[in-house]
Amino acid sequence: MNKITKLMTVLIFALAMTACKKDEVKPDTDNNNTDNTPVVDTTPVRTDGLICCNPEDLDNPDSLLSKRVVYFDYDMATIRSEFREMLSLHARYLSENPSARMTIEGHADERGSREYNLALGEKRGYAVANLLRAQGAGEGQVTVVSYGEERPEATCSDESCWSQNRRGVIVYTAK
């Protein structure tokens, strides 16, 4: 009887969770992406003339390699064009330094449920990781973790703070 009660409790909980309304990501109306996967533009970004790619550049504030945050629009996981050159340089660094490793931390603002924000943070992290891989980073060099709304950069509740919290952060774990 005890096993049946436990089984019924688990089944009822599972049914209740699947019946809950879930927030959906609004599709990008500019493309035909109907499966909610992040859109990755694999058009190569010119890095000619850019100095690349020494480990010292990662800490040099004058280098694009020291820039490690990609910001996203509300409810989106599409990488904006202003971050493509920086990400292209990080991909080039990874391809030229096979022992280098990084983690992409995906974040979301406080709006939406915890589960929704974790999923959105993950999509943002994979959008960055997929672009890096498409531009030369090795499969094992990039990992993704989502923190959702749990680690905000700014703590006020207005658009200026929310825009800072919708981000993907590059953290080098091995240079």
N, C-alpha and C. Protein backbone atom coordinates (compact mmCIF):
# COMPACT_ATOMS: atom_id res chain seq x y z
N MET A 1 0.82 -1.19 0.00
CA MET A 1 0.00 0.00 0.00
C MET A 1 0.86 1.26 0.00
N ASN A 2 1.98 1.23 0.72
CA ASN A 2 2.85 2.39 0.81
C ASN A 2 3.45 2.73 -0.56
N LYS A 3 3.85 1.72 -1.34
CA LYS A 3 4.42 1.96 -2.66
C LYS A 3 3.37 2.54 -3.61
N ILE A 4 2.15 2.07 -3.50
CA ILE A 4 1.08 2.58 -4.36
C ILE A 4 0.79 4.04 -4.02
N THR A 5 0.79 4.38 -2.75
CA THR A 5 0.55 5.76 -2.33
C THR A 5 1.65 6.68 -2.86
N LYS A 6 2.89 6.24 -2.75
CA LYS A 6 4.00 7.04 -3.26
C LYS A 6 3.90 7.21 -4.77
N LEU A 7 3.59 6.13 -5.47
CA LEU A 7 3.46 6.19 -6.92
C LEU A 7 2.34 7.14 -7.33
N MET A 8 1.22 7.07 -6.65
CA MET A 8 0.09 7.96 -6.97
C MET A 8 0.45 9.41 -6.70
N THR A 9 1.18 9.66 -5.61
CA THR A 9 1.59 11.03 -5.29
C THR A 9 2.50 11.58 -6.37
N VAL A 10 3.45 10.78 -6.83
CA VAL A 10 4.36 11.21 -7.90
C VAL A 10 3.59 11.47 -9.18
N LEU A 11 2.66 10.59 -9.53
CA LEU A 11 1.87 10.77 -10.75
C LEU A 11 1.01 12.02 -10.69
N ILE A 12 0.39 12.27 -9.56
CA ILE A 12 -0.45 13.46 -9.41
C ILE A 12 0.40 14.72 -9.52
N PHE A 13 1.57 14.70 -8.90
CA PHE A 13 2.48 15.85 -8.99
C PHE A 13 2.92 16.08 -10.43
N ALA A 14 3.26 15.00 -11.14
CA ALA A 14 3.69 15.12 -12.53
C ALA A 14 2.57 15.67 -13.41
N LEU A 15 1.36 15.21 -13.20
CA LEU A 15 0.22 15.72 -13.97
C LEU A 15 -0.03 17.18 -13.66
N ALA A 16 0.09 17.56 -12.40
CA ALA A 16 -0.12 18.95 -12.03
C ALA A 16 0.93 19.85 -12.66
N MET A 17 2.17 19.40 -12.72
CA MET A 17 3.25 20.20 -13.31
C MET A 17 3.05 20.37 -14.81
N THR A 18 2.59 19.33 -15.49
CA THR A 18 2.40 19.44 -16.94
C THR A 18 1.18 20.27 -17.28
N ALA A 19 0.24 20.39 -16.36
CA ALA A 19 -0.96 21.17 -16.62
C ALA A 19 -0.75 22.65 -16.38
N CYS A 20 0.34 23.03 -15.70
CA CYS A 20 0.60 24.44 -15.43
C CYS A 20 0.90 25.18 -16.72
N LYS A 21 0.40 26.40 -16.82
CA LYS A 21 0.66 27.22 -18.00
C LYS A 21 2.12 27.63 -18.01
N LYS A 22 2.76 27.51 -19.15
CA LYS A 22 4.15 27.89 -19.29
C LYS A 22 4.25 29.12 -20.16
N ASP A 23 5.20 30.03 -19.80
CA ASP A 23 5.47 31.18 -20.66
C ASP A 23 6.19 30.68 -21.90
N GLU A 24 5.88 31.27 -23.02
CA GLU A 24 6.54 30.88 -24.25
C GLU A 24 7.39 32.02 -24.75
N VAL A 25 8.52 31.67 -25.38
CA VAL A 25 9.36 32.68 -26.00
C VAL A 25 8.66 33.17 -27.24
N LYS A 26 8.56 34.49 -27.39
CA LYS A 26 7.94 35.05 -28.57
C LYS A 26 8.86 34.82 -29.75
N PRO A 27 8.33 34.27 -30.86
CA PRO A 27 9.20 34.03 -32.00
C PRO A 27 9.65 35.34 -32.63
N ASP A 28 10.85 35.31 -33.17
CA ASP A 28 11.40 36.45 -33.88
C ASP A 28 10.65 36.57 -35.20
N THR A 29 9.98 37.68 -35.40
CA THR A 29 9.14 37.83 -36.59
C THR A 29 9.96 38.11 -37.84
N ASP A 30 11.27 38.36 -37.70
CA ASP A 30 12.09 38.64 -38.86
C ASP A 30 12.60 37.39 -39.55
N ASN A 31 12.36 36.22 -38.98
CA ASN A 31 12.83 35.00 -39.64
C ASN A 31 11.77 33.92 -39.48
N ASN A 32 12.05 32.77 -40.02
CA ASN A 32 11.11 31.65 -39.97
C ASN A 32 11.55 30.60 -38.98
N ASN A 33 12.11 30.99 -37.86
CA ASN A 33 12.59 30.08 -36.84
C ASN A 33 11.41 29.61 -36.00
N THR A 34 10.85 28.45 -36.34
CA THR A 34 9.65 27.99 -35.65
C THR A 34 9.93 26.98 -34.55
N ASP A 35 11.18 26.54 -34.39
CA ASP A 35 11.46 25.54 -33.37
C ASP A 35 12.07 26.13 -32.10
N ASN A 36 12.09 27.45 -31.95
CA ASN A 36 12.58 28.15 -30.76
C ASN A 36 14.04 27.91 -30.45
N THR A 37 14.84 27.46 -31.43
CA THR A 37 16.27 27.35 -31.21
C THR A 37 16.89 28.70 -31.48
N PRO A 38 17.97 29.04 -30.76
CA PRO A 38 18.61 30.33 -30.99
C PRO A 38 19.07 30.46 -32.44
N VAL A 39 18.91 31.65 -32.98
CA VAL A 39 19.34 31.92 -34.34
C VAL A 39 20.82 32.25 -34.30
N VAL A 40 21.60 31.55 -35.10
CA VAL A 40 23.03 31.79 -35.15
C VAL A 40 23.40 32.19 -36.57
N ASP A 41 23.90 33.40 -36.72
CA ASP A 41 24.39 33.87 -38.01
C ASP A 41 25.85 33.46 -38.08
N THR A 42 26.19 32.60 -39.02
CA THR A 42 27.56 32.10 -39.13
C THR A 42 28.38 32.89 -40.13
N THR A 43 27.88 34.05 -40.55
CA THR A 43 28.65 34.89 -41.45
C THR A 43 29.94 35.30 -40.76
N PRO A 44 31.09 35.02 -41.37
CA PRO A 44 32.34 35.35 -40.71
C PRO A 44 32.49 36.86 -40.51
N VAL A 45 33.03 37.23 -39.38
CA VAL A 45 33.31 38.62 -39.10
C VAL A 45 34.78 38.84 -39.38
N ARG A 46 35.10 39.91 -40.08
CA ARG A 46 36.50 40.19 -40.41
C ARG A 46 37.27 40.52 -39.14
N THR A 47 38.38 39.85 -38.96
CA THR A 47 39.27 40.16 -37.84
C THR A 47 40.63 40.57 -38.37
N ASP A 48 40.72 40.84 -39.67
CA ASP A 48 41.99 41.28 -40.25
C ASP A 48 42.45 42.56 -39.56
N GLY A 49 43.72 42.63 -39.26
CA GLY A 49 44.26 43.82 -38.63
C GLY A 49 44.13 43.80 -37.11
N LEU A 50 43.31 42.92 -36.57
CA LEU A 50 43.20 42.82 -35.13
C LEU A 50 44.34 41.98 -34.59
N ILE A 51 44.88 42.42 -33.51
CA ILE A 51 45.97 41.66 -32.92
C ILE A 51 45.37 40.49 -32.16
N CYS A 52 45.80 39.31 -32.51
CA CYS A 52 45.28 38.12 -31.86
C CYS A 52 46.39 37.12 -31.77
N CYS A 53 46.49 36.43 -30.94
CA CYS A 53 45.65 36.09 -29.84
C CYS A 53 46.56 35.56 -28.73
N ASN A 54 47.05 36.41 -27.93
CA ASN A 54 47.92 36.04 -26.82
C ASN A 54 47.12 36.00 -25.53
N PRO A 55 47.45 35.09 -24.63
CA PRO A 55 46.75 35.04 -23.34
C PRO A 55 46.80 36.36 -22.58
N GLU A 56 47.85 37.17 -22.79
CA GLU A 56 47.95 38.46 -22.12
C GLU A 56 46.83 39.39 -22.56
N ASP A 57 46.34 39.21 -23.81
CA ASP A 57 45.27 40.06 -24.32
C ASP A 57 43.96 39.88 -23.55
N LEU A 58 43.80 38.75 -22.89
CA LEU A 58 42.58 38.52 -22.12
C LEU A 58 42.43 39.51 -20.97
N ASP A 59 43.55 40.01 -20.48
CA ASP A 59 43.53 40.96 -19.36
C ASP A 59 43.88 42.39 -19.77
N ASN A 60 44.12 42.60 -21.06
CA ASN A 60 44.47 43.91 -21.57
C ASN A 60 43.19 44.70 -21.87
N PRO A 61 42.91 45.77 -21.14
CA PRO A 61 41.66 46.50 -21.35
C PRO A 61 41.54 47.12 -22.75
N ASP A 62 42.64 47.23 -23.49
CA ASP A 62 42.60 47.78 -24.84
C ASP A 62 42.26 46.72 -25.88
N SER A 63 42.20 45.46 -25.48
CA SER A 63 41.92 44.37 -26.40
C SER A 63 40.44 43.99 -26.33
N LEU A 64 39.88 43.61 -27.49
CA LEU A 64 38.51 43.11 -27.50
C LEU A 64 38.37 41.82 -26.71
N LEU A 65 39.47 41.11 -26.53
CA LEU A 65 39.42 39.86 -25.75
C LEU A 65 39.12 40.11 -24.27
N SER A 66 39.32 41.32 -23.80
CA SER A 66 39.00 41.62 -22.40
C SER A 66 37.51 41.88 -22.22
N LYS A 67 36.79 42.08 -23.31
CA LYS A 67 35.34 42.25 -23.27
C LYS A 67 34.70 40.88 -23.25
N ARG A 68 33.84 40.63 -22.28
CA ARG A 68 33.32 39.27 -22.12
C ARG A 68 31.84 39.19 -21.84
N VAL A 69 31.09 40.24 -22.11
CA VAL A 69 29.65 40.22 -21.84
C VAL A 69 28.90 40.52 -23.13
N VAL A 70 27.89 39.68 -23.41
CA VAL A 70 27.00 39.86 -24.55
C VAL A 70 25.62 40.16 -23.98
N TYR A 71 25.03 41.28 -24.38
CA TYR A 71 23.71 41.65 -23.89
C TYR A 71 22.64 41.27 -24.92
N PHE A 72 21.47 40.91 -24.43
CA PHE A 72 20.38 40.45 -25.28
C PHE A 72 19.16 41.35 -25.12
N ASP A 73 18.33 41.34 -26.15
CA ASP A 73 17.07 42.07 -26.09
C ASP A 73 16.09 41.27 -25.24
N TYR A 74 15.02 41.93 -24.82
CA TYR A 74 13.99 41.31 -23.99
C TYR A 74 13.43 40.05 -24.65
N ASP A 75 13.41 38.97 -23.90
CA ASP A 75 12.82 37.70 -24.33
C ASP A 75 13.48 37.11 -25.56
N MET A 76 14.72 37.45 -25.83
CA MET A 76 15.41 36.99 -27.04
C MET A 76 16.71 36.28 -26.69
N ALA A 77 17.13 35.42 -27.62
CA ALA A 77 18.41 34.73 -27.50
C ALA A 77 19.21 34.91 -28.79
N THR A 78 18.95 36.00 -29.49
CA THR A 78 19.64 36.30 -30.74
C THR A 78 20.77 37.28 -30.44
N ILE A 79 21.96 36.97 -30.95
CA ILE A 79 23.12 37.81 -30.70
C ILE A 79 23.06 39.04 -31.59
N ARG A 80 23.18 40.20 -30.97
CA ARG A 80 23.14 41.46 -31.71
C ARG A 80 24.46 41.67 -32.45
N SER A 81 24.40 42.39 -33.55
CA SER A 81 25.55 42.59 -34.42
C SER A 81 26.71 43.28 -33.71
N GLU A 82 26.44 44.11 -32.73
CA GLU A 82 27.51 44.83 -32.05
C GLU A 82 28.46 43.91 -31.28
N PHE A 83 28.06 42.66 -31.03
CA PHE A 83 28.90 41.73 -30.28
C PHE A 83 29.60 40.70 -31.17
N ARG A 84 29.32 40.70 -32.45
CA ARG A 84 29.86 39.67 -33.34
C ARG A 84 31.38 39.76 -33.50
N GLU A 85 31.92 40.96 -33.62
CA GLU A 85 33.37 41.10 -33.78
C GLU A 85 34.10 40.59 -32.53
N MET A 86 33.59 40.96 -31.36
CA MET A 86 34.19 40.50 -30.12
C MET A 86 34.15 38.97 -30.03
N LEU A 87 32.99 38.39 -30.34
CA LEU A 87 32.87 36.92 -30.27
C LEU A 87 33.73 36.24 -31.31
N SER A 88 33.87 36.84 -32.48
CA SER A 88 34.73 36.28 -33.51
C SER A 88 36.18 36.23 -33.03
N LEU A 89 36.60 37.26 -32.32
CA LEU A 89 37.96 37.29 -31.78
C LEU A 89 38.15 36.23 -30.69
N HIS A 90 37.13 36.04 -29.85
CA HIS A 90 37.21 34.98 -28.83
C HIS A 90 37.27 33.60 -29.50
N ALA A 91 36.50 33.41 -30.57
CA ALA A 91 36.54 32.13 -31.29
C ALA A 91 37.93 31.91 -31.90
N ARG A 92 38.49 32.97 -32.44
CA ARG A 92 39.85 32.87 -33.02
C ARG A 92 40.86 32.53 -31.93
N TYR A 93 40.72 33.16 -30.76
CA TYR A 93 41.62 32.86 -29.65
C TYR A 93 41.52 31.38 -29.28
N LEU A 94 40.30 30.87 -29.18
CA LEU A 94 40.12 29.46 -28.83
C LEU A 94 40.71 28.54 -29.90
N SER A 95 40.53 28.88 -31.16
CA SER A 95 41.06 28.01 -32.21
C SER A 95 42.58 28.03 -32.24
N GLU A 96 43.20 29.16 -31.87
CA GLU A 96 44.65 29.26 -31.84
C GLU A 96 45.26 28.74 -30.54
N ASN A 97 44.44 28.55 -29.53
CA ASN A 97 44.89 28.06 -28.23
C ASN A 97 44.03 26.86 -27.82
N PRO A 98 44.34 25.68 -28.35
CA PRO A 98 43.49 24.51 -28.12
C PRO A 98 43.33 24.10 -26.65
N SER A 99 44.23 24.53 -25.78
CA SER A 99 44.10 24.17 -24.37
C SER A 99 43.20 25.15 -23.61
N ALA A 100 42.80 26.23 -24.26
CA ALA A 100 41.93 27.22 -23.60
C ALA A 100 40.52 26.65 -23.46
N ARG A 101 39.87 27.00 -22.37
CA ARG A 101 38.50 26.55 -22.08
C ARG A 101 37.71 27.73 -21.53
N MET A 102 36.41 27.73 -21.80
CA MET A 102 35.55 28.78 -21.26
C MET A 102 34.19 28.22 -20.91
N THR A 103 33.53 28.93 -20.02
CA THR A 103 32.14 28.65 -19.67
C THR A 103 31.34 29.89 -20.04
N ILE A 104 30.22 29.68 -20.71
CA ILE A 104 29.31 30.76 -21.02
C ILE A 104 28.19 30.71 -19.97
N GLU A 105 28.06 31.79 -19.22
CA GLU A 105 27.00 31.88 -18.20
C GLU A 105 25.82 32.65 -18.80
N GLY A 106 24.68 31.99 -18.90
CA GLY A 106 23.48 32.64 -19.41
C GLY A 106 22.65 33.22 -18.27
N HIS A 107 22.18 34.45 -18.45
CA HIS A 107 21.41 35.15 -17.42
C HIS A 107 20.14 35.73 -18.01
N ALA A 108 19.17 35.99 -17.15
CA ALA A 108 17.91 36.61 -17.56
C ALA A 108 17.53 37.64 -16.50
N ASP A 109 16.59 38.53 -16.85
CA ASP A 109 16.13 39.48 -15.84
C ASP A 109 15.08 38.81 -14.95
N GLU A 110 14.56 39.53 -14.00
CA GLU A 110 13.68 38.95 -12.97
C GLU A 110 12.27 38.64 -13.45
N ARG A 111 11.89 39.12 -14.63
CA ARG A 111 10.53 38.89 -15.12
C ARG A 111 10.41 37.46 -15.64
N GLY A 112 9.29 36.84 -15.39
CA GLY A 112 9.07 35.46 -15.80
C GLY A 112 9.32 34.51 -14.64
N SER A 113 8.91 33.27 -14.81
CA SER A 113 9.09 32.28 -13.75
C SER A 113 10.55 31.85 -13.67
N ARG A 114 10.90 31.25 -12.58
CA ARG A 114 12.28 30.76 -12.38
C ARG A 114 12.66 29.78 -13.47
N GLU A 115 11.76 28.85 -13.78
CA GLU A 115 12.03 27.83 -14.79
C GLU A 115 12.19 28.46 -16.18
N TYR A 116 11.32 29.41 -16.48
CA TYR A 116 11.39 30.09 -17.78
C TYR A 116 12.72 30.83 -17.91
N ASN A 117 13.14 31.53 -16.87
CA ASN A 117 14.39 32.29 -16.92
C ASN A 117 15.61 31.39 -17.00
N LEU A 118 15.56 30.23 -16.34
CA LEU A 118 16.66 29.28 -16.49
C LEU A 118 16.76 28.79 -17.93
N ALA A 119 15.62 28.49 -18.54
CA ALA A 119 15.61 28.04 -19.94
C ALA A 119 16.09 29.15 -20.87
N LEU A 120 15.66 30.38 -20.63
CA LEU A 120 16.08 31.50 -21.47
C LEU A 120 17.57 31.77 -21.30
N GLY A 121 18.07 31.70 -20.08
CA GLY A 121 19.51 31.86 -19.85
C GLY A 121 20.30 30.79 -20.58
N GLU A 122 19.78 29.57 -20.58
CA GLU A 122 20.45 28.48 -21.29
C GLU A 122 20.45 28.73 -22.80
N LYS A 123 19.33 29.19 -23.35
CA LYS A 123 19.28 29.51 -24.78
C LYS A 123 20.27 30.60 -25.13
N ARG A 124 20.39 31.60 -24.29
CA ARG A 124 21.35 32.67 -24.54
C ARG A 124 22.79 32.15 -24.48
N GLY A 125 23.07 31.30 -23.51
CA GLY A 125 24.41 30.71 -23.42
C GLY A 125 24.73 29.88 -24.65
N TYR A 126 23.78 29.08 -25.10
CA TYR A 126 24.02 28.26 -26.29
C TYR A 126 24.09 29.09 -27.56
N ALA A 127 23.41 30.22 -27.61
CA ALA A 127 23.53 31.10 -28.78
C ALA A 127 24.97 31.59 -28.91
N VAL A 128 25.57 31.99 -27.79
CA VAL A 128 26.97 32.43 -27.79
C VAL A 128 27.89 31.26 -28.12
N ALA A 129 27.68 30.13 -27.46
CA ALA A 129 28.54 28.96 -27.67
C ALA A 129 28.47 28.48 -29.12
N ASN A 130 27.29 28.44 -29.69
CA ASN A 130 27.14 27.96 -31.07
C ASN A 130 27.82 28.90 -32.05
N LEU A 131 27.76 30.19 -31.81
CA LEU A 131 28.45 31.14 -32.70
C LEU A 131 29.96 30.95 -32.58
N LEU A 132 30.46 30.77 -31.36
CA LEU A 132 31.90 30.54 -31.16
C LEU A 132 32.35 29.27 -31.88
N ARG A 133 31.56 28.21 -31.77
CA ARG A 133 31.91 26.95 -32.43
C ARG A 133 31.84 27.09 -33.95
N ALA A 134 30.87 27.82 -34.44
CA ALA A 134 30.74 28.01 -35.89
C ALA A 134 31.91 28.80 -36.45
N GLN A 135 32.57 29.58 -35.60
CA GLN A 135 33.68 30.40 -36.06
C GLN A 135 35.03 29.84 -35.64
N GLY A 136 35.08 28.58 -35.24
CA GLY A 136 36.37 27.93 -35.05
C GLY A 136 36.69 27.38 -33.68
N ALA A 137 35.92 27.67 -32.67
CA ALA A 137 36.18 27.11 -31.34
C ALA A 137 35.91 25.61 -31.36
N GLY A 138 36.70 24.87 -30.60
CA GLY A 138 36.52 23.43 -30.53
C GLY A 138 35.31 23.04 -29.70
N GLU A 139 34.74 21.90 -30.01
CA GLU A 139 33.54 21.42 -29.32
C GLU A 139 33.75 21.31 -27.81
N GLY A 140 34.90 20.84 -27.38
CA GLY A 140 35.16 20.65 -25.96
C GLY A 140 35.68 21.89 -25.24
N GLN A 141 35.84 22.99 -25.96
CA GLN A 141 36.40 24.19 -25.35
C GLN A 141 35.34 25.07 -24.68
N VAL A 142 34.08 24.89 -25.03
CA VAL A 142 33.03 25.78 -24.56
C VAL A 142 31.95 24.98 -23.85
N THR A 143 31.63 25.37 -22.62
CA THR A 143 30.51 24.78 -21.91
C THR A 143 29.53 25.90 -21.56
N VAL A 144 28.30 25.51 -21.28
CA VAL A 144 27.24 26.47 -20.99
C VAL A 144 26.59 26.15 -19.66
N VAL A 145 26.32 27.19 -18.88
CA VAL A 145 25.57 27.05 -17.64
C VAL A 145 24.57 28.21 -17.59
N SER A 146 23.40 27.94 -17.06
CA SER A 146 22.40 29.00 -16.95
C SER A 146 22.15 29.31 -15.48
N TYR A 147 22.15 30.60 -15.18
CA TYR A 147 21.81 31.04 -13.83
C TYR A 147 20.44 31.70 -13.80
N GLY A 148 19.80 31.85 -14.96
CA GLY A 148 18.49 32.47 -15.01
C GLY A 148 18.52 33.85 -14.38
N GLU A 149 17.64 34.08 -13.43
CA GLU A 149 17.55 35.37 -12.75
C GLU A 149 18.33 35.37 -11.43
N GLU A 150 19.02 34.28 -11.11
CA GLU A 150 19.61 34.10 -9.78
C GLU A 150 20.83 34.95 -9.47
N ARG A 151 21.54 35.45 -10.48
CA ARG A 151 22.75 36.25 -10.24
C ARG A 151 22.65 37.58 -11.00
N PRO A 152 21.80 38.47 -10.54
CA PRO A 152 21.63 39.73 -11.28
C PRO A 152 22.87 40.63 -11.18
N GLU A 153 23.14 41.33 -12.26
CA GLU A 153 24.19 42.35 -12.27
C GLU A 153 23.69 43.61 -11.58
N ALA A 154 22.43 43.96 -11.84
CA ALA A 154 21.80 45.14 -11.23
C ALA A 154 20.54 44.67 -10.51
N THR A 155 20.20 45.33 -9.41
CA THR A 155 19.11 44.82 -8.58
C THR A 155 17.86 45.69 -8.55
N CYS A 156 17.83 46.81 -9.25
CA CYS A 156 16.60 47.60 -9.28
C CYS A 156 15.61 46.95 -10.25
N SER A 157 14.38 47.39 -10.23
CA SER A 157 13.34 46.77 -11.06
C SER A 157 12.82 47.74 -12.11
N ASP A 158 13.70 48.11 -13.03
CA ASP A 158 13.28 48.92 -14.17
C ASP A 158 14.11 48.51 -15.39
N GLU A 159 13.80 49.09 -16.53
CA GLU A 159 14.44 48.66 -17.77
C GLU A 159 15.96 48.81 -17.75
N SER A 160 16.47 49.85 -17.10
CA SER A 160 17.92 50.04 -17.07
C SER A 160 18.62 48.87 -16.38
N CYS A 161 18.00 48.33 -15.34
CA CYS A 161 18.58 47.17 -14.64
C CYS A 161 18.30 45.88 -15.40
N TRP A 162 17.09 45.73 -15.89
CA TRP A 162 16.74 44.50 -16.61
C TRP A 162 17.66 44.32 -17.82
N SER A 163 17.98 45.41 -18.51
CA SER A 163 18.83 45.29 -19.70
C SER A 163 20.24 44.83 -19.33
N GLN A 164 20.71 45.15 -18.15
CA GLN A 164 22.03 44.70 -17.69
C GLN A 164 22.01 43.23 -17.29
N ASN A 165 20.85 42.73 -16.91
CA ASN A 165 20.73 41.35 -16.45
C ASN A 165 20.47 40.35 -17.58
N ARG A 166 20.07 40.82 -18.74
CA ARG A 166 19.84 39.95 -19.90
C ARG A 166 21.17 39.80 -20.63
N ARG A 167 21.96 38.78 -20.22
CA ARG A 167 23.32 38.71 -20.73
C ARG A 167 23.86 37.29 -20.79
N GLY A 168 24.94 37.17 -21.55
CA GLY A 168 25.76 35.97 -21.56
C GLY A 168 27.16 36.42 -21.17
N VAL A 169 27.78 35.74 -20.24
CA VAL A 169 29.09 36.14 -19.73
C VAL A 169 30.10 35.04 -20.06
N ILE A 170 31.21 35.44 -20.65
CA ILE A 170 32.31 34.52 -20.97
C ILE A 170 33.25 34.48 -19.76
N VAL A 171 33.49 33.27 -19.25
CA VAL A 171 34.42 33.08 -18.15
C VAL A 171 35.46 32.05 -18.60
N TYR A 172 36.69 32.50 -18.72
CA TYR A 172 37.76 31.57 -19.12
C TYR A 172 38.14 30.71 -17.92
N THR A 173 38.10 29.41 -18.10
CA THR A 173 38.48 28.49 -17.03
C THR A 173 39.90 27.96 -17.23
N ALA A 174 40.42 28.10 -18.44
CA ALA A 174 41.81 27.78 -18.76
C ALA A 174 42.23 28.67 -19.91
N LYS A 175 43.39 29.29 -19.78
CA LYS A 175 43.84 30.23 -20.81
C LYS A 175 44.85 29.55 -21.69
